[in-house]
Structures are given as C-alpha cells and as structure tokens.
C-alpha cells in the first residue's frame, strides 16, 4: 500500500489524499513552510480540522519527517 509522506508531498500529491481539496493542501504547505514537519495526526487535525482528518485520510498518510539531506518536493 502506498502512503503519502505528508512532509514531502507536493500540492498535487496532497490533492490525491481522501478529503483534501485545494484549501487543505495550501494549509499543509503553508504550515510546513512556517513551522516545519507535521509530526502526527493531532497536529494535522489542528491544521485541517477534525472533519477533514478521517480514518481514510490517516490510513494514506505517513508522518515521517523529511530528512535533512532529502531534496525538497516540488512546490514545498
């Protein structure tokens, strides 16, 4: 099963997640730019709200942080 690394995903990859629209993708990108990697489901819920963060979404998300040596995802 493919899981999206939320801390590396570009806007298009975020839009492929269940329940994520452009506004949510923008909020994730903005949060990462201002605060760094998203650490867990609780932090994602603070960013997006409880109605957006569903079990289906969490099943598709990997919260592993970006490595310092990893190239940034386009648009990140």
PDB file of N, CA and C in Angstrom:
ATOM      1  N   UNK A   1       0.837  -1.186   0.000  1.00  0.00           N
ATOM      2  CA  UNK A   1       0.000   0.000   0.000  1.00  0.00           C
ATOM      3  C   UNK A   1       0.880   1.247   0.000  1.00  0.00           C
ATOM      4  N   UNK A   2       0.569   2.175  -0.867  1.00  0.00           N
ATOM      5  CA  UNK A   2       1.314   3.427  -0.973  1.00  0.00           C
ATOM      6  C   UNK A   2       0.785   4.438   0.035  1.00  0.00           C
ATOM      7  N   UNK A   3       1.676   4.976   0.831  1.00  0.00           N
ATOM      8  CA  UNK A   3       1.301   6.043   1.770  1.00  0.00           C
ATOM      9  C   UNK A   3       2.036   7.312   1.361  1.00  0.00           C
ATOM     10  N   UNK A   4       1.354   8.426   1.437  1.00  0.00           N
ATOM     11  CA  UNK A   4       1.918   9.708   1.056  1.00  0.00           C
ATOM     12  C   UNK A   4       2.678  10.306   2.233  1.00  0.00           C
ATOM     13  N   UNK A   5       3.912  10.653   2.006  1.00  0.00           N
ATOM     14  CA  UNK A   5       4.720  11.313   3.046  1.00  0.00           C
ATOM     15  C   UNK A   5       4.308  12.776   3.086  1.00  0.00           C
ATOM     16  N   UNK A   6       3.494  13.111   4.046  1.00  0.00           N
ATOM     17  CA  UNK A   6       2.869  14.429   4.110  1.00  0.00           C
ATOM     18  C   UNK A   6       3.891  15.555   4.234  1.00  0.00           C
ATOM     19  N   UNK A   7       5.070  15.258   4.743  1.00  0.00           N
ATOM     20  CA  UNK A   7       6.095  16.285   4.893  1.00  0.00           C
ATOM     21  C   UNK A   7       6.950  16.480   3.649  1.00  0.00           C
ATOM     22  N   UNK A   8       6.758  15.644   2.643  1.00  0.00           N
ATOM     23  CA  UNK A   8       7.484  15.770   1.376  1.00  0.00           C
ATOM     24  C   UNK A   8       6.557  15.962   0.180  1.00  0.00           C
ATOM     25  N   UNK A   9       5.280  15.698   0.361  1.00  0.00           N
ATOM     26  CA  UNK A   9       4.344  15.719  -0.759  1.00  0.00           C
ATOM     27  C   UNK A   9       4.189  17.112  -1.352  1.00  0.00           C
ATOM     28  N   UNK A  10       4.110  17.154  -2.682  1.00  0.00           N
ATOM     29  CA  UNK A  10       3.836  18.419  -3.346  1.00  0.00           C
ATOM     30  C   UNK A  10       2.316  18.635  -3.378  1.00  0.00           C
ATOM     31  N   UNK A  11       1.859  19.813  -3.775  1.00  0.00           N
ATOM     32  CA  UNK A  11       0.420  20.088  -3.740  1.00  0.00           C
ATOM     33  C   UNK A  11      -0.419  19.066  -4.510  1.00  0.00           C
ATOM     34  N   UNK A  12       0.046  18.615  -5.668  1.00  0.00           N
ATOM     35  CA  UNK A  12      -0.720  17.645  -6.450  1.00  0.00           C
ATOM     36  C   UNK A  12      -0.852  16.321  -5.705  1.00  0.00           C
ATOM     37  N   UNK A  13       0.211  15.881  -5.061  1.00  0.00           N
ATOM     38  CA  UNK A  13       0.160  14.638  -4.286  1.00  0.00           C
ATOM     39  C   UNK A  13      -0.801  14.779  -3.105  1.00  0.00           C
ATOM     40  N   UNK A  14      -0.811  15.940  -2.472  1.00  0.00           N
ATOM     41  CA  UNK A  14      -1.732  16.162  -1.354  1.00  0.00           C
ATOM     42  C   UNK A  14      -3.178  16.094  -1.823  1.00  0.00           C
ATOM     43  N   UNK A  15      -3.459  16.612  -3.018  1.00  0.00           N
ATOM     44  CA  UNK A  15      -4.830  16.603  -3.548  1.00  0.00           C
ATOM     45  C   UNK A  15      -5.331  15.195  -3.842  1.00  0.00           C
ATOM     46  N   UNK A  16      -4.442  14.235  -3.929  1.00  0.00           N
ATOM     47  CA  UNK A  16      -4.836  12.845  -4.169  1.00  0.00           C
ATOM     48  C   UNK A  16      -5.273  12.137  -2.886  1.00  0.00           C
ATOM     49  N   UNK A  17      -5.041  12.767  -1.744  1.00  0.00           N
ATOM     50  CA  UNK A  17      -5.450  12.178  -0.467  1.00  0.00           C
ATOM     51  C   UNK A  17      -6.959  12.337  -0.269  1.00  0.00           C
ATOM     52  N   UNK A  18      -7.603  11.375   0.384  1.00  0.00           N
ATOM     53  CA  UNK A  18      -9.056  11.448   0.586  1.00  0.00           C
ATOM     54  C   UNK A  18      -9.464  12.658   1.423  1.00  0.00           C
ATOM     55  N   UNK A  19     -10.373  13.460   0.877  1.00  0.00           N
ATOM     56  CA  UNK A  19     -10.915  14.607   1.601  1.00  0.00           C
ATOM     57  C   UNK A  19     -10.097  15.874   1.495  1.00  0.00           C
ATOM     58  N   UNK A  20      -8.955  15.825   0.805  1.00  0.00           N
ATOM     59  CA  UNK A  20      -8.099  17.009   0.693  1.00  0.00           C
ATOM     60  C   UNK A  20      -8.446  17.759  -0.592  1.00  0.00           C
ATOM     61  N   UNK A  21      -8.846  19.021  -0.395  1.00  0.00           N
ATOM     62  CA  UNK A  21      -9.110  19.923  -1.524  1.00  0.00           C
ATOM     63  C   UNK A  21      -7.972  20.941  -1.574  1.00  0.00           C
ATOM     64  N   UNK A  22      -8.076  21.883  -2.497  1.00  0.00           N
ATOM     65  CA  UNK A  22      -7.009  22.876  -2.666  1.00  0.00           C
ATOM     66  C   UNK A  22      -6.746  23.660  -1.380  1.00  0.00           C
ATOM     67  N   UNK A  23      -7.796  24.053  -0.677  1.00  0.00           N
ATOM     68  CA  UNK A  23      -7.621  24.838   0.552  1.00  0.00           C
ATOM     69  C   UNK A  23      -6.836  24.055   1.608  1.00  0.00           C
ATOM     70  N   UNK A  24      -7.113  22.766   1.736  1.00  0.00           N
ATOM     71  CA  UNK A  24      -6.398  21.943   2.716  1.00  0.00           C
ATOM     72  C   UNK A  24      -4.946  21.735   2.293  1.00  0.00           C
ATOM     73  N   UNK A  25      -4.728  21.478   1.003  1.00  0.00           N
ATOM     74  CA  UNK A  25      -3.358  21.316   0.503  1.00  0.00           C
ATOM     75  C   UNK A  25      -2.554  22.590   0.758  1.00  0.00           C
ATOM     76  N   UNK A  26      -3.167  23.752   0.492  1.00  0.00           N
ATOM     77  CA  UNK A  26      -2.489  25.031   0.738  1.00  0.00           C
ATOM     78  C   UNK A  26      -2.161  25.202   2.219  1.00  0.00           C
ATOM     79  N   UNK A  27      -3.088  24.807   3.096  1.00  0.00           N
ATOM     80  CA  UNK A  27      -2.861  24.930   4.537  1.00  0.00           C
ATOM     81  C   UNK A  27      -1.695  24.046   4.986  1.00  0.00           C
ATOM     82  N   UNK A  28      -1.597  22.850   4.441  1.00  0.00           N
ATOM     83  CA  UNK A  28      -0.498  21.943   4.779  1.00  0.00           C
ATOM     84  C   UNK A  28       0.832  22.537   4.318  1.00  0.00           C
ATOM     85  N   UNK A  29       0.883  23.007   3.074  1.00  0.00           N
ATOM     86  CA  UNK A  29       2.109  23.598   2.530  1.00  0.00           C
ATOM     87  C   UNK A  29       2.521  24.819   3.355  1.00  0.00           C
ATOM     88  N   UNK A  30       1.559  25.677   3.669  1.00  0.00           N
ATOM     89  CA  UNK A  30       1.833  26.889   4.454  1.00  0.00           C
ATOM     90  C   UNK A  30       2.355  26.527   5.851  1.00  0.00           C
ATOM     91  N   UNK A  31       1.714  25.541   6.484  1.00  0.00           N
ATOM     92  CA  UNK A  31       2.144  25.126   7.824  1.00  0.00           C
ATOM     93  C   UNK A  31       3.570  24.576   7.784  1.00  0.00           C
ATOM     94  N   UNK A  32       3.864  23.734   6.805  1.00  0.00           N
ATOM     95  CA  UNK A  32       5.224  23.180   6.705  1.00  0.00           C
ATOM     96  C   UNK A  32       6.257  24.287   6.520  1.00  0.00           C
ATOM     97  N   UNK A  33       5.941  25.300   5.710  1.00  0.00           N
ATOM     98  CA  UNK A  33       6.876  26.394   5.455  1.00  0.00           C
ATOM     99  C   UNK A  33       7.117  27.228   6.710  1.00  0.00           C
ATOM    100  N   UNK A  34       6.083  27.411   7.512  1.00  0.00           N
ATOM    101  CA  UNK A  34       6.188  28.266   8.697  1.00  0.00           C
ATOM    102  C   UNK A  34       6.660  27.527   9.941  1.00  0.00           C
ATOM    103  N   UNK A  35       6.295  26.246  10.072  1.00  0.00           N
ATOM    104  CA  UNK A  35       6.529  25.524  11.330  1.00  0.00           C
ATOM    105  C   UNK A  35       7.344  24.244  11.197  1.00  0.00           C
ATOM    106  N   UNK A  36       7.671  23.852   9.981  1.00  0.00           N
ATOM    107  CA  UNK A  36       8.430  22.621   9.791  1.00  0.00           C
ATOM    108  C   UNK A  36       7.515  21.413   9.643  1.00  0.00           C
ATOM    109  N   UNK A  37       8.083  20.214   9.771  1.00  0.00           N
ATOM    110  CA  UNK A  37       7.335  18.979   9.524  1.00  0.00           C
ATOM    111  C   UNK A  37       6.130  18.806  10.451  1.00  0.00           C
ATOM    112  N   UNK A  38       5.121  18.162   9.918  1.00  0.00           N
ATOM    113  CA  UNK A  38       3.926  17.798  10.687  1.00  0.00           C
ATOM    114  C   UNK A  38       4.247  16.491  11.391  1.00  0.00           C
ATOM    115  N   UNK A  39       4.097  16.465  12.710  1.00  0.00           N
ATOM    116  CA  UNK A  39       4.595  15.312  13.466  1.00  0.00           C
ATOM    117  C   UNK A  39       3.606  14.170  13.630  1.00  0.00           C
ATOM    118  N   UNK A  40       2.294  14.476  13.665  1.00  0.00           N
ATOM    119  CA  UNK A  40       1.347  13.393  13.930  1.00  0.00           C
ATOM    120  C   UNK A  40      -0.078  13.807  13.566  1.00  0.00           C
ATOM    121  N   UNK A  41      -1.009  12.879  13.788  1.00  0.00           N
ATOM    122  CA  UNK A  41      -2.413  13.112  13.443  1.00  0.00           C
ATOM    123  C   UNK A  41      -3.008  14.281  14.213  1.00  0.00           C
ATOM    124  N   UNK A  42      -2.601  14.455  15.465  1.00  0.00           N
ATOM    125  CA  UNK A  42      -3.131  15.558  16.273  1.00  0.00           C
ATOM    126  C   UNK A  42      -2.740  16.907  15.674  1.00  0.00           C
ATOM    127  N   UNK A  43      -1.513  17.020  15.222  1.00  0.00           N
ATOM    128  CA  UNK A  43      -1.065  18.275  14.605  1.00  0.00           C
ATOM    129  C   UNK A  43      -1.794  18.502  13.282  1.00  0.00           C
ATOM    130  N   UNK A  44      -1.958  17.444  12.492  1.00  0.00           N
ATOM    131  CA  UNK A  44      -2.692  17.569  11.227  1.00  0.00           C
ATOM    132  C   UNK A  44      -4.130  18.008  11.493  1.00  0.00           C
ATOM    133  N   UNK A  45      -4.731  17.498  12.563  1.00  0.00           N
ATOM    134  CA  UNK A  45      -6.102  17.876  12.908  1.00  0.00           C
ATOM    135  C   UNK A  45      -6.171  19.351  13.298  1.00  0.00           C
ATOM    136  N   UNK A  46      -5.148  19.872  13.955  1.00  0.00           N
ATOM    137  CA  UNK A  46      -5.102  21.296  14.293  1.00  0.00           C
ATOM    138  C   UNK A  46      -5.030  22.155  13.034  1.00  0.00           C
ATOM    139  N   UNK A  47      -4.334  21.664  12.024  1.00  0.00           N
ATOM    140  CA  UNK A  47      -4.167  22.402  10.773  1.00  0.00           C
ATOM    141  C   UNK A  47      -5.447  22.372   9.943  1.00  0.00           C
ATOM    142  N   UNK A  48      -6.057  21.189   9.833  1.00  0.00           N
ATOM    143  CA  UNK A  48      -7.176  20.999   8.907  1.00  0.00           C
ATOM    144  C   UNK A  48      -8.551  20.974   9.556  1.00  0.00           C
ATOM    145  N   UNK A  49      -8.615  20.627  10.827  1.00  0.00           N
ATOM    146  CA  UNK A  49      -9.903  20.482  11.499  1.00  0.00           C
ATOM    147  C   UNK A  49     -10.314  19.022  11.566  1.00  0.00           C
ATOM    148  N   UNK A  50     -11.103  18.667  12.586  1.00  0.00           N
ATOM    149  CA  UNK A  50     -11.454  17.266  12.811  1.00  0.00           C
ATOM    150  C   UNK A  50     -12.330  16.660  11.719  1.00  0.00           C
ATOM    151  N   UNK A  51     -13.110  17.453  11.023  1.00  0.00           N
ATOM    152  CA  UNK A  51     -13.972  16.896   9.980  1.00  0.00           C
ATOM    153  C   UNK A  51     -13.210  16.430   8.753  1.00  0.00           C
ATOM    154  N   UNK A  52     -12.017  16.962   8.559  1.00  0.00           N
ATOM    155  CA  UNK A  52     -11.204  16.624   7.392  1.00  0.00           C
ATOM    156  C   UNK A  52     -10.322  15.407   7.677  1.00  0.00           C
ATOM    157  N   UNK A  53      -9.792  15.334   8.886  1.00  0.00           N
ATOM    158  CA  UNK A  53      -8.866  14.255   9.245  1.00  0.00           C
ATOM    159  C   UNK A  53      -9.684  13.026   9.640  1.00  0.00           C
ATOM    160  N   UNK A  54      -9.855  12.146   8.679  1.00  0.00           N
ATOM    161  CA  UNK A  54     -10.660  10.937   8.838  1.00  0.00           C
ATOM    162  C   UNK A  54      -9.758   9.706   8.906  1.00  0.00           C
ATOM    163  N   UNK A  55     -10.307   8.571   9.333  1.00  0.00           N
ATOM    164  CA  UNK A  55      -9.508   7.341   9.300  1.00  0.00           C
ATOM    165  C   UNK A  55      -8.991   7.016   7.897  1.00  0.00           C
ATOM    166  N   UNK A  56      -9.774   7.297   6.862  1.00  0.00           N
ATOM    167  CA  UNK A  56      -9.324   7.030   5.485  1.00  0.00           C
ATOM    168  C   UNK A  56      -8.121   7.889   5.136  1.00  0.00           C
ATOM    169  N   UNK A  57      -8.144   9.144   5.544  1.00  0.00           N
ATOM    170  CA  UNK A  57      -7.009  10.028   5.293  1.00  0.00           C
ATOM    171  C   UNK A  57      -5.780   9.536   6.058  1.00  0.00           C
ATOM    172  N   UNK A  58      -5.944   9.239   7.326  1.00  0.00           N
ATOM    173  CA  UNK A  58      -4.809   8.802   8.147  1.00  0.00           C
ATOM    174  C   UNK A  58      -4.211   7.494   7.643  1.00  0.00           C
ATOM    175  N   UNK A  59      -5.019   6.635   7.048  1.00  0.00           N
ATOM    176  CA  UNK A  59      -4.513   5.377   6.503  1.00  0.00           C
ATOM    177  C   UNK A  59      -3.570   5.616   5.323  1.00  0.00           C
ATOM    178  N   UNK A  60      -3.718   6.765   4.656  1.00  0.00           N
ATOM    179  CA  UNK A  60      -2.910   7.082   3.476  1.00  0.00           C
ATOM    180  C   UNK A  60      -1.730   8.003   3.756  1.00  0.00           C
ATOM    181  N   UNK A  61      -1.569   8.443   5.014  1.00  0.00           N
ATOM    182  CA  UNK A  61      -0.549   9.439   5.346  1.00  0.00           C
ATOM    183  C   UNK A  61       0.581   8.821   6.160  1.00  0.00           C
ATOM    184  N   UNK A  62       1.805   9.191   5.791  1.00  0.00           N
ATOM    185  CA  UNK A  62       2.993   8.828   6.546  1.00  0.00           C
ATOM    186  C   UNK A  62       3.567  10.128   7.112  1.00  0.00           C
ATOM    187  N   UNK A  63       3.750  10.194   8.426  1.00  0.00           N
ATOM    188  CA  UNK A  63       4.230  11.415   9.075  1.00  0.00           C
ATOM    189  C   UNK A  63       5.742  11.462   9.225  1.00  0.00           C
ATOM    190  N   UNK A  64       6.455  10.497   8.664  1.00  0.00           N
ATOM    191  CA  UNK A  64       7.905  10.514   8.800  1.00  0.00           C
ATOM    192  C   UNK A  64       8.425  11.857   8.305  1.00  0.00           C
ATOM    193  N   UNK A  65       9.246  12.526   9.114  1.00  0.00           N
ATOM    194  CA  UNK A  65       9.719  13.857   8.701  1.00  0.00           C
ATOM    195  C   UNK A  65      10.682  13.776   7.535  1.00  0.00           C
ATOM    196  N   UNK A  66      10.810  14.895   6.872  1.00  0.00           N
ATOM    197  CA  UNK A  66      11.775  14.988   5.780  1.00  0.00           C
ATOM    198  C   UNK A  66      13.181  14.888   6.358  1.00  0.00           C
ATOM    199  N   UNK A  67      14.046  14.155   5.690  1.00  0.00           N
ATOM    200  CA  UNK A  67      15.430  14.078   6.142  1.00  0.00           C
ATOM    201  C   UNK A  67      16.147  15.358   5.746  1.00  0.00           C
ATOM    202  N   UNK A  68      17.136  15.736   6.508  1.00  0.00           N
ATOM    203  CA  UNK A  68      17.881  16.956   6.228  1.00  0.00           C
ATOM    204  C   UNK A  68      18.569  16.887   4.872  1.00  0.00           C
ATOM    205  N   UNK A  69      18.902  15.671   4.426  1.00  0.00           N
ATOM    206  CA  UNK A  69      19.618  15.532   3.161  1.00  0.00           C
ATOM    207  C   UNK A  69      18.677  15.284   1.990  1.00  0.00           C
ATOM    208  N   UNK A  70      17.394  15.130   2.240  1.00  0.00           N
ATOM    209  CA  UNK A  70      16.453  14.845   1.154  1.00  0.00           C
ATOM    210  C   UNK A  70      16.171  16.100   0.354  1.00  0.00           C
ATOM    211  N   UNK A  71      16.056  15.923  -0.929  1.00  0.00           N
ATOM    212  CA  UNK A  71      15.688  17.068  -1.782  1.00  0.00           C
ATOM    213  C   UNK A  71      14.244  17.457  -1.470  1.00  0.00           C
ATOM    214  N   UNK A  72      13.985  18.741  -1.475  1.00  0.00           N
ATOM    215  CA  UNK A  72      12.624  19.206  -1.196  1.00  0.00           C
ATOM    216  C   UNK A  72      11.713  18.799  -2.335  1.00  0.00           C
ATOM    217  N   UNK A  73      10.488  18.491  -1.991  1.00  0.00           N
ATOM    218  CA  UNK A  73       9.485  18.167  -3.005  1.00  0.00           C
ATOM    219  C   UNK A  73       9.151  19.431  -3.776  1.00  0.00           C
ATOM    220  N   UNK A  74       8.866  19.313  -5.074  1.00  0.00           N
ATOM    221  CA  UNK A  74       8.488  20.495  -5.843  1.00  0.00           C
ATOM    222  C   UNK A  74       7.268  21.177  -5.214  1.00  0.00           C
ATOM    223  N   UNK A  75       7.341  22.470  -5.091  1.00  0.00           N
ATOM    224  CA  UNK A  75       6.212  23.215  -4.544  1.00  0.00           C
ATOM    225  C   UNK A  75       6.185  23.251  -3.044  1.00  0.00           C
ATOM    226  N   UNK A  76       7.126  22.581  -2.394  1.00  0.00           N
ATOM    227  CA  UNK A  76       7.113  22.552  -0.922  1.00  0.00           C
ATOM    228  C   UNK A  76       7.685  23.827  -0.360  1.00  0.00           C
TER     229      UNK A  76
END
